[in-house]
C-alpha atoms as a PDB file:
ATOM      1  CA  MET A   1     -84.114  28.633 184.501  1.00  0.00           C
ATOM      2  CA  ASN A   2     -85.976  28.213 181.710  1.00  0.00           C
ATOM      3  CA  ASP A   3     -84.520  24.873 180.061  1.00  0.00           C
ATOM      4  CA  LYS A   4     -85.645  26.247 176.598  1.00  0.00           C
ATOM      5  CA  LEU A   5     -84.385  29.657 177.054  1.00  0.00           C
ATOM      6  CA  ARG A   6     -84.257  31.580 173.648  1.00  0.00           C
ATOM      7  CA  VAL A   7     -81.178  33.307 172.306  1.00  0.00           C
ATOM      8  CA  ALA A   8     -80.948  35.826 169.600  1.00  0.00           C
ATOM      9  CA  ILE A   9     -77.403  36.647 168.180  1.00  0.00           C
ATOM     10  CA  ILE A  10     -76.830  39.826 166.318  1.00  0.00           C
ATOM     11  CA  GLU A  11     -73.152  39.523 164.573  1.00  0.00           C
ATOM     12  CA  ASP A  12     -72.187  40.606 161.215  1.00  0.00           C
ATOM     13  CA  GLU A  13     -69.093  38.585 160.871  1.00  0.00           C
ATOM     14  CA  LYS A  14     -70.214  34.966 160.138  1.00  0.00           C
ATOM     15  CA  PRO A  15     -66.951  33.313 161.670  1.00  0.00           C
ATOM     16  CA  ALA A  16     -67.625  34.998 165.155  1.00  0.00           C
ATOM     17  CA  ALA A  17     -71.242  34.193 164.908  1.00  0.00           C
ATOM     18  CA  ARG A  18     -70.733  30.560 164.414  1.00  0.00           C
ATOM     19  CA  LEU A  19     -67.886  30.468 167.160  1.00  0.00           C
ATOM     20  CA  LEU A  20     -70.004  31.977 169.507  1.00  0.00           C
ATOM     21  CA  VAL A  21     -73.050  29.442 168.708  1.00  0.00           C
ATOM     22  CA  SER A  22     -70.216  26.555 169.410  1.00  0.00           C
ATOM     23  CA  MET A  23     -69.300  27.926 172.921  1.00  0.00           C
ATOM     24  CA  LEU A  24     -73.049  28.323 173.800  1.00  0.00           C
ATOM     25  CA  ALA A  25     -73.731  25.070 172.687  1.00  0.00           C
ATOM     26  CA  ASP A  26     -70.823  23.460 174.997  1.00  0.00           C
ATOM     27  CA  ILE A  27     -71.809  26.029 177.854  1.00  0.00           C
ATOM     28  CA  ARG A  28     -75.645  25.738 177.932  1.00  0.00           C
ATOM     29  CA  PRO A  29     -76.411  23.055 175.346  1.00  0.00           C
ATOM     30  CA  GLU A  30     -80.504  23.490 176.685  1.00  0.00           C
ATOM     31  CA  TRP A  31     -80.513  26.715 175.166  1.00  0.00           C
ATOM     32  CA  SER A  32     -82.440  27.343 171.746  1.00  0.00           C
ATOM     33  CA  VAL A  33     -79.694  29.717 169.845  1.00  0.00           C
ATOM     34  CA  GLU A  34     -80.496  31.582 166.461  1.00  0.00           C
ATOM     35  CA  VAL A  35     -78.216  33.957 164.640  1.00  0.00           C
ATOM     36  CA  VAL A  36     -80.103  37.278 163.411  1.00  0.00           C
ATOM     37  CA  SER A  37     -79.105  39.257 160.346  1.00  0.00           C
ATOM     38  CA  GLY A  38     -75.784  41.227 161.171  1.00  0.00           C
ATOM     39  CA  SER A  39     -77.466  44.479 159.861  1.00  0.00           C
ATOM     40  CA  VAL A  40     -79.539  47.027 161.780  1.00  0.00           C
ATOM     41  CA  SER A  41     -82.442  46.777 158.877  1.00  0.00           C
ATOM     42  CA  GLY A  42     -82.211  42.944 159.402  1.00  0.00           C
ATOM     43  CA  ALA A  43     -82.429  42.768 162.911  1.00  0.00           C
ATOM     44  CA  VAL A  44     -85.211  45.217 163.109  1.00  0.00           C
ATOM     45  CA  ARG A  45     -87.033  43.195 160.569  1.00  0.00           C
ATOM     46  CA  TRP A  46     -86.260  39.844 162.678  1.00  0.00           C
ATOM     47  CA  PHE A  47     -87.653  41.684 165.934  1.00  0.00           C
ATOM     48  CA  GLU A  48     -90.852  42.888 164.255  1.00  0.00           C
ATOM     49  CA  GLU A  49     -91.679  39.326 162.969  1.00  0.00           C
ATOM     50  CA  HIS A  50     -90.688  37.284 165.885  1.00  0.00           C
ATOM     51  CA  GLU A  51     -91.093  37.038 169.804  1.00  0.00           C
ATOM     52  CA  GLU A  52     -88.556  39.074 171.764  1.00  0.00           C
ATOM     53  CA  PRO A  53     -85.507  36.396 172.873  1.00  0.00           C
ATOM     54  CA  ASP A  54     -84.926  35.947 176.524  1.00  0.00           C
ATOM     55  CA  ILE A  55     -81.356  37.288 175.953  1.00  0.00           C
ATOM     56  CA  LEU A  56     -79.407  39.015 173.045  1.00  0.00           C
ATOM     57  CA  PHE A  57     -75.939  38.777 172.072  1.00  0.00           C
ATOM     58  CA  LEU A  58     -75.025  42.277 170.549  1.00  0.00           C
ATOM     59  CA  ASP A  59     -72.283  43.402 168.536  1.00  0.00           C
ATOM     60  CA  ILE A  60     -71.795  46.969 168.348  1.00  0.00           C
ATOM     61  CA  GLN A  61     -70.899  47.324 164.783  1.00  0.00           C
ATOM     62  CA  LEU A  62     -72.818  46.243 162.273  1.00  0.00           C
ATOM     63  CA  ASN A  63     -72.854  45.938 158.281  1.00  0.00           C
ATOM     64  CA  ASP A  64     -74.990  49.029 157.718  1.00  0.00           C
ATOM     65  CA  GLY A  65     -74.543  51.034 161.029  1.00  0.00           C
ATOM     66  CA  ASN A  66     -73.999  51.060 165.040  1.00  0.00           C
ATOM     67  CA  SER A  67     -76.400  49.020 166.914  1.00  0.00           C
ATOM     68  CA  PHE A  68     -77.644  52.080 168.819  1.00  0.00           C
ATOM     69  CA  LEU A  69     -79.624  52.373 165.751  1.00  0.00           C
ATOM     70  CA  PHE A  70     -81.322  49.010 166.300  1.00  0.00           C
ATOM     71  CA  LEU A  71     -82.084  49.616 169.625  1.00  0.00           C
ATOM     72  CA  GLU A  72     -83.474  52.969 168.958  1.00  0.00           C
ATOM     73  CA  LYS A  73     -85.596  51.427 166.966  1.00  0.00           C
ATOM     74  CA  ILE A  74     -86.677  48.329 168.757  1.00  0.00           C
ATOM     75  CA  SER A  75     -85.873  49.126 172.205  1.00  0.00           C
ATOM     76  CA  PRO A  76     -85.626  45.471 173.232  1.00  0.00           C
ATOM     77  CA  SER A  77     -86.693  44.905 177.403  1.00  0.00           C
ATOM     78  CA  CYS A  78     -84.395  41.748 177.231  1.00  0.00           C
ATOM     79  CA  PRO A  79     -81.257  41.707 178.892  1.00  0.00           C
ATOM     80  CA  VAL A  80     -78.143  42.067 176.327  1.00  0.00           C
ATOM     81  CA  ILE A  81     -74.702  40.975 176.403  1.00  0.00           C
ATOM     82  CA  PHE A  82     -72.763  43.046 173.937  1.00  0.00           C
ATOM     83  CA  THR A  83     -69.786  41.498 171.718  1.00  0.00           C
ATOM     84  CA  THR A  84     -67.251  44.343 170.765  1.00  0.00           C
ATOM     85  CA  ALA A  85     -64.085  45.175 170.069  1.00  0.00           C
ATOM     86  CA  TYR A  86     -64.454  48.647 171.267  1.00  0.00           C
ATOM     87  CA  ASP A  87     -61.891  50.564 173.402  1.00  0.00           C
ATOM     88  CA  GLU A  88     -62.460  51.184 177.117  1.00  0.00           C
ATOM     89  CA  TYR A  89     -64.939  53.896 176.865  1.00  0.00           C
ATOM     90  CA  ALA A  90     -67.574  51.660 175.507  1.00  0.00           C
ATOM     91  CA  ILE A  91     -66.671  49.216 177.966  1.00  0.00           C
ATOM     92  CA  ARG A  92     -66.966  51.512 180.816  1.00  0.00           C
ATOM     93  CA  ALA A  93     -70.394  52.312 179.498  1.00  0.00           C
ATOM     94  CA  PHE A  94     -71.397  49.153 179.082  1.00  0.00           C
ATOM     95  CA  SER A  95     -70.176  47.554 182.483  1.00  0.00           C
ATOM     96  CA  VAL A  96     -72.432  50.141 184.668  1.00  0.00           C
ATOM     97  CA  ASN A  97     -75.212  48.157 183.928  1.00  0.00           C
ATOM     98  CA  SER A  98     -76.400  44.682 184.607  1.00  0.00           C
ATOM     99  CA  ILE A  99     -75.678  43.582 181.454  1.00  0.00           C
ATOM    100  CA  ASP A 100     -71.789  42.515 180.581  1.00  0.00           C
ATOM    101  CA  TYR A 101     -69.632  42.920 177.471  1.00  0.00           C
ATOM    102  CA  LEU A 102     -67.288  40.165 175.876  1.00  0.00           C
ATOM    103  CA  LEU A 103     -64.233  42.141 174.618  1.00  0.00           C
ATOM    104  CA  LYS A 104     -63.282  40.258 171.578  1.00  0.00           C
ATOM    105  CA  PRO A 105     -61.252  37.882 171.511  1.00  0.00           C
ATOM    106  CA  PHE A 106     -62.872  35.903 174.156  1.00  0.00           C
ATOM    107  CA  ASP A 107     -63.004  32.196 175.515  1.00  0.00           C
ATOM    108  CA  GLU A 108     -65.431  30.038 177.190  1.00  0.00           C
ATOM    109  CA  LYS A 109     -64.275  31.074 180.332  1.00  0.00           C
ATOM    110  CA  ARG A 110     -65.201  34.908 179.976  1.00  0.00           C
ATOM    111  CA  LEU A 111     -68.350  33.897 178.040  1.00  0.00           C
ATOM    112  CA  GLU A 112     -69.545  31.574 180.984  1.00  0.00           C
ATOM    113  CA  GLU A 113     -68.798  34.567 183.461  1.00  0.00           C
ATOM    114  CA  ALA A 114     -71.164  36.680 181.535  1.00  0.00           C
ATOM    115  CA  ILE A 115     -73.654  33.746 181.530  1.00  0.00           C
ATOM    116  CA  GLU A 116     -73.297  33.474 185.082  1.00  0.00           C
ATOM    117  CA  LYS A 117     -73.895  37.401 185.456  1.00  0.00           C
ATOM    118  CA  TYR A 118     -76.906  36.998 183.509  1.00  0.00           C
ATOM    119  CA  GLU A 119     -78.444  34.147 185.751  1.00  0.00           C
ATOM    120  CA  SER A 120     -77.901  36.161 188.842  1.00  0.00           C
ATOM    121  CA  VAL A 121     -79.785  39.156 187.728  1.00  0.00           C
ATOM    122  CA  THR A 122     -83.014  39.211 189.173  1.00  0.00           C
ATOM    123  CA  SER A 123     -84.710  41.131 186.755  1.00  0.00           C
ATOM    124  CA  ARG A 124     -84.550  40.865 183.111  1.00  0.00           C
ATOM    125  CA  HIS A 125     -85.529  44.153 182.328  1.00  0.00           C
ATOM    126  CA  PRO A 126     -82.779  46.823 182.412  1.00  0.00           C
ATOM    127  CA  GLU A 127     -83.630  50.355 181.208  1.00  0.00           C
ATOM    128  CA  SER A 128     -83.337  50.517 177.485  1.00  0.00           C
ATOM    129  CA  ASP A 129     -82.636  54.374 177.624  1.00  0.00           C
ATOM    130  CA  VAL A 130     -79.601  53.557 179.466  1.00  0.00           C
ATOM    131  CA  LEU A 131     -78.225  51.086 176.747  1.00  0.00           C
ATOM    132  CA  ILE A 132     -79.201  53.746 173.831  1.00  0.00           C
ATOM    133  CA  ASP A 133     -77.396  56.494 176.049  1.00  0.00           C
ATOM    134  CA  ALA A 134     -74.271  54.551 176.221  1.00  0.00           C
ATOM    135  CA  LEU A 135     -74.343  53.559 172.353  1.00  0.00           C
ATOM    136  CA  LYS A 136     -75.136  57.125 171.523  1.00  0.00           C
ATOM    137  CA  SER A 137     -72.086  58.518 173.434  1.00  0.00           C
ATOM    138  CA  ILE A 138     -69.930  56.523 170.738  1.00  0.00           C
ATOM    139  CA  ASN A 139     -71.565  58.504 167.836  1.00  0.00           C
ATOM    140  CA  SER A 140     -72.232  61.887 169.189  1.00  0.00           C
ATOM    141  CA  LYS A 141     -70.238  64.976 168.152  1.00  0.00           C
ATOM    142  CA  GLU A 142     -67.852  64.419 170.908  1.00  0.00           C
ATOM    143  CA  LYS A 143     -67.137  60.824 169.499  1.00  0.00           C
ATOM    144  CA  ARG A 144     -64.531  58.675 171.415  1.00  0.00           C
ATOM    145  CA  TYR A 145     -62.232  57.396 168.903  1.00  0.00           C
ATOM    146  CA  ARG A 146     -60.597  53.880 169.518  1.00  0.00           C
ATOM    147  CA  THR A 147     -57.117  54.214 171.532  1.00  0.00           C
ATOM    148  CA  ARG A 148     -55.725  51.135 171.656  1.00  0.00           C
ATOM    149  CA  PHE A 149     -55.755  47.340 170.371  1.00  0.00           C
ATOM    150  CA  LEU A 150     -55.610  43.999 171.998  1.00  0.00           C
ATOM    151  CA  ILE A 151     -52.772  41.885 169.937  1.00  0.00           C
ATOM    152  CA  ASN A 152     -52.528  38.216 169.913  1.00  0.00           C
ATOM    153  CA  LYS A 153     -48.881  37.452 171.239  1.00  0.00           C
ATOM    154  CA  GLY A 154     -48.808  33.957 170.995  1.00  0.00           C
ATOM    155  CA  SER A 155     -50.499  32.837 174.237  1.00  0.00           C
ATOM    156  CA  LYS A 156     -50.618  36.648 175.670  1.00  0.00           C
ATOM    157  CA  LEU A 157     -52.626  39.555 174.635  1.00  0.00           C
ATOM    158  CA  GLU A 158     -50.526  42.588 174.384  1.00  0.00           C
ATOM    159  CA  PRO A 159     -51.744  46.441 173.976  1.00  0.00           C
ATOM    160  CA  LEU A 160     -51.020  48.480 171.049  1.00  0.00           C
ATOM    161  CA  SER A 161     -51.520  52.301 171.252  1.00  0.00           C
ATOM    162  CA  VAL A 162     -53.131  53.639 168.190  1.00  0.00           C
ATOM    163  CA  ASP A 163     -50.600  56.741 168.635  1.00  0.00           C
ATOM    164  CA  ASP A 164     -47.971  54.059 167.690  1.00  0.00           C
ATOM    165  CA  ILE A 165     -49.332  52.836 164.341  1.00  0.00           C
ATOM    166  CA  ALA A 166     -47.936  54.684 161.118  1.00  0.00           C
ATOM    167  CA  TYR A 167     -50.516  52.680 158.945  1.00  0.00           C
ATOM    168  CA  PHE A 168     -52.892  49.770 158.374  1.00  0.00           C
ATOM    169  CA  TYR A 169     -52.882  47.201 155.166  1.00  0.00           C
ATOM    170  CA  SER A 170     -55.186  44.528 154.193  1.00  0.00           C
ATOM    171  CA  VAL A 171     -54.200  41.252 152.285  1.00  0.00           C
ATOM    172  CA  ASN A 172     -56.279  38.515 151.592  1.00  0.00           C
ATOM    173  CA  LYS A 173     -58.799  39.847 153.860  1.00  0.00           C
ATOM    174  CA  ILE A 174     -56.293  40.145 156.562  1.00  0.00           C
ATOM    175  CA  THR A 175     -55.705  43.302 158.377  1.00  0.00           C
ATOM    176  CA  PHE A 176     -52.022  44.516 159.692  1.00  0.00           C
ATOM    177  CA  ALA A 177     -50.923  47.184 161.880  1.00  0.00           C
ATOM    178  CA  VAL A 178     -47.424  48.446 161.014  1.00  0.00           C
ATOM    179  CA  SER A 179     -45.945  50.332 164.039  1.00  0.00           C
ATOM    180  CA  LYS A 180     -43.888  53.603 163.539  1.00  0.00           C
ATOM    181  CA  CYS A 181     -40.988  51.194 164.792  1.00  0.00           C
ATOM    182  CA  GLY A 182     -41.639  48.952 161.971  1.00  0.00           C
ATOM    183  CA  GLY A 183     -43.191  45.833 163.509  1.00  0.00           C
ATOM    184  CA  GLU A 184     -46.327  44.300 162.217  1.00  0.00           C
ATOM    185  CA  ASP A 185     -49.566  42.807 164.149  1.00  0.00           C
ATOM    186  CA  VAL A 186     -52.590  41.253 162.993  1.00  0.00           C
ATOM    187  CA  VAL A 187     -55.896  43.551 163.990  1.00  0.00           C
ATOM    188  CA  GLU A 188     -59.129  41.393 163.949  1.00  0.00           C
ATOM    189  CA  LEU A 189     -61.069  44.163 162.005  1.00  0.00           C
ATOM    190  CA  THR A 190     -61.644  44.896 158.423  1.00  0.00           C
ATOM    191  CA  LEU A 191     -60.625  48.476 157.079  1.00  0.00           C
ATOM    192  CA  ASP A 192     -64.277  49.449 156.744  1.00  0.00           C
ATOM    193  CA  LYS A 193     -64.597  49.045 160.571  1.00  0.00           C
ATOM    194  CA  LEU A 194     -61.309  50.608 161.122  1.00  0.00           C
ATOM    195  CA  ALA A 195     -61.982  53.688 159.043  1.00  0.00           C
ATOM    196  CA  ASP A 196     -64.936  54.348 161.509  1.00  0.00           C
ATOM    197  CA  GLN A 197     -63.323  53.782 164.759  1.00  0.00           C
ATOM    198  CA  LEU A 198     -60.123  55.671 163.754  1.00  0.00           C
ATOM    199  CA  ASP A 199     -59.370  59.570 164.595  1.00  0.00           C
ATOM    200  CA  PRO A 200     -60.078  61.105 160.973  1.00  0.00           C
ATOM    201  CA  ASP A 201     -57.674  64.071 161.981  1.00  0.00           C
ATOM    202  CA  CYS A 202     -54.841  61.399 162.283  1.00  0.00           C
ATOM    203  CA  PHE A 203     -55.935  58.607 159.765  1.00  0.00           C
ATOM    204  CA  PHE A 204     -56.951  58.742 156.113  1.00  0.00           C
ATOM    205  CA  ARG A 205     -58.508  55.889 154.263  1.00  0.00           C
ATOM    206  CA  ALA A 206     -56.247  56.156 150.983  1.00  0.00           C
ATOM    207  CA  ASN A 207     -57.672  53.275 149.033  1.00  0.00           C
ATOM    208  CA  ARG A 208     -59.055  49.891 149.704  1.00  0.00           C
ATOM    209  CA  GLN A 209     -56.169  48.575 151.008  1.00  0.00           C
ATOM    210  CA  TYR A 210     -54.359  51.149 153.094  1.00  0.00           C
ATOM    211  CA  ILE A 211     -55.274  53.167 156.046  1.00  0.00           C
ATOM    212  CA  ILE A 212     -52.315  55.937 156.685  1.00  0.00           C
ATOM    213  CA  ASN A 213     -51.261  58.399 159.613  1.00  0.00           C
ATOM    214  CA  VAL A 214     -50.510  61.576 158.884  1.00  0.00           C
ATOM    215  CA  GLU A 215     -47.435  61.402 160.935  1.00  0.00           C
ATOM    216  CA  ALA A 216     -46.239  58.359 158.732  1.00  0.00           C
ATOM    217  CA  ILE A 217     -46.359  60.530 155.325  1.00  0.00           C
ATOM    218  CA  LYS A 218     -42.975  61.267 154.082  1.00  0.00           C
ATOM    219  CA  LYS A 219     -43.330  62.118 150.637  1.00  0.00           C
ATOM    220  CA  ILE A 220     -46.159  62.735 147.850  1.00  0.00           C
ATOM    221  CA  GLU A 221     -45.728  62.591 144.205  1.00  0.00           C
ATOM    222  CA  PRO A 222     -48.057  62.683 140.930  1.00  0.00           C
ATOM    223  CA  TYR A 223     -49.000  59.325 139.925  1.00  0.00           C
ATOM    224  CA  PHE A 224     -50.765  57.805 136.804  1.00  0.00           C
ATOM    225  CA  ASN A 225     -54.177  58.944 135.727  1.00  0.00           C
ATOM    226  CA  GLY A 226     -54.448  61.991 138.062  1.00  0.00           C
ATOM    227  CA  LYS A 227     -53.735  59.809 141.187  1.00  0.00           C
ATOM    228  CA  ILE A 228     -50.977  60.763 143.582  1.00  0.00           C
ATOM    229  CA  SER A 229     -48.557  58.049 145.315  1.00  0.00           C
ATOM    230  CA  VAL A 230     -47.551  58.364 149.196  1.00  0.00           C
ATOM    231  CA  THR A 231     -44.428  57.342 150.429  1.00  0.00           C
ATOM    232  CA  VAL A 232     -44.777  56.589 154.183  1.00  0.00           C
ATOM    233  CA  THR A 233     -42.019  55.438 156.870  1.00  0.00           C
ATOM    234  CA  PRO A 234     -41.844  52.611 157.563  1.00  0.00           C
ATOM    235  CA  LYS A 235     -41.869  51.891 153.850  1.00  0.00           C
ATOM    236  CA  SER A 236     -44.779  50.035 152.501  1.00  0.00           C
ATOM    237  CA  THR A 237     -44.300  46.786 150.290  1.00  0.00           C
ATOM    238  CA  GLU A 238     -46.415  48.384 147.742  1.00  0.00           C
ATOM    239  CA  VAL A 239     -47.129  51.737 146.481  1.00  0.00           C
ATOM    240  CA  ILE A 240     -49.614  53.387 147.984  1.00  0.00           C
ATOM    241  CA  THR A 241     -51.693  55.407 145.775  1.00  0.00           C
ATOM    242  CA  VAL A 242     -54.770  58.068 146.657  1.00  0.00           C
ATOM    243  CA  SER A 243     -57.395  57.840 143.607  1.00  0.00           C
ATOM    244  CA  LYS A 244     -58.189  61.012 141.220  1.00  0.00           C
ATOM    245  CA  GLU A 245     -61.368  61.198 143.173  1.00  0.00           C
ATOM    246  CA  LYS A 246     -59.853  61.611 146.549  1.00  0.00           C
ATOM    247  CA  VAL A 247     -56.962  63.626 145.999  1.00  0.00           C
ATOM    248  CA  ALA A 248     -59.116  67.148 146.764  1.00  0.00           C
ATOM    249  CA  ALA A 249     -60.072  65.242 150.073  1.00  0.00           C
ATOM    250  CA  PHE A 250     -56.631  64.194 150.735  1.00  0.00           C
ATOM    251  CA  LYS A 251     -55.197  67.611 150.347  1.00  0.00           C
ATOM    252  CA  ARG A 252     -58.006  69.203 152.393  1.00  0.00           C
ATOM    253  CA  TRP A 253     -56.961  66.550 155.200  1.00  0.00           C
ATOM    254  CA  LEU A 254     -53.288  66.957 155.231  1.00  0.00           C
ATOM    255  CA  ASN A 255     -54.025  70.968 155.322  1.00  0.00           C
ATOM    256  CA  TYR A 256     -56.561  70.607 158.399  1.00  0.00           C
END
């Protein structure tokens, strides 16, 4: 292996990028690692202005779109290891290739396994069309929405079905999933990302702090300034309101 192997990381969350850089430094300190902009436009610009790296760590959900847009525009020939919080549909698509995926959150052992898989591959030029098709399947008209989350329970990880979640809310940049039985778990995704991954027939982004499941809605009432309030079960700690601008869309959603 080339001691000066060049690595690029495209990741829109700075803490996640820093963690990956740190783990790579521990596992392969001889590698040269660079963090690229966590947006499609920034990543495209970087690849147009720089020599292609030997290997690319690529997050699926970027600041301004999914990474298939980047792959369509650049079609990199270098191997890709995906770092993703997506469900098993995406995982299955990626795992059929000689490219690995890392399901967040992952540890150094899992990262080293992916690196060793990369190092065992004789050809470093997988078919870019296969990658693009896999990512496109997530964004096609038959989009497969998230079905579960992996939740940290101390030293364990447990699955949480989306069907069991009544609503999500955000406080101090931390996202919580409230289950129909009243339990709360931290979800390592922002509400913006969740809104893109959840089935819009079932979930509605009421405001900047809440995404609610249609099955959790108990009552709807007029509120101040043209807003409406939504009562959910289990009961929320704050009044959930839908803005005047969103009321029409909310009613259409309920009548779907």
